[in-house]
């Protein structure tokens, strides 16, 4: 997903969210990871044209076999393991080594408006985009939150409001919805 507010690419993993500094930094991931990401649909609600074009380009390059040098992902290098021999062939053993990946070490916190959840109707987990959607009374625009850690940046009143409302979700992916509730309870 391309998150316009923090101008970063967020990749939702099983263990959490991985934030990538720029679009080209995605290519520092191992080649098999970039090939997997190229198969997925980019969620780009802000309609940032650069992110859409980049996603299309890596999809094309994956099919062609990474012909363009600018869009070639990282391949491993073979490095000999010192003082080890394969007992069957009596030759040196090697390991695959990747260069460090250019991802963010710290979670970028999205700037939040404070004390805006007073007229909150409900919040629910969107299993298509893996976000929490907060719906308001009076047909105001919905608020979407990708990362559960962004709750930390809310005011104490808003966190209490979230805690008072149950989160609605479908059973097919309950892990992330429960994580949002736990973070709201801890705050």
Foldseek 3Di string as FASTA:
>chain_A
DQDPQVRWDWDQDPVGIWTADHLLLLLLPEPVVLLVQLVDDDDDPVPPVVVVVSSVVSVVCSVVVNPDPSNHHWYWDWDWDPPDADVVPRHTDTDTDGDDRRTDPDDDAGQDDEPPCPQWDAWEADPVLRWIWIHGPPPDDIDTGNHLVNVVNYDPVVLVSNQVHQYHYDPPDCPSSVVSNVSSVVD
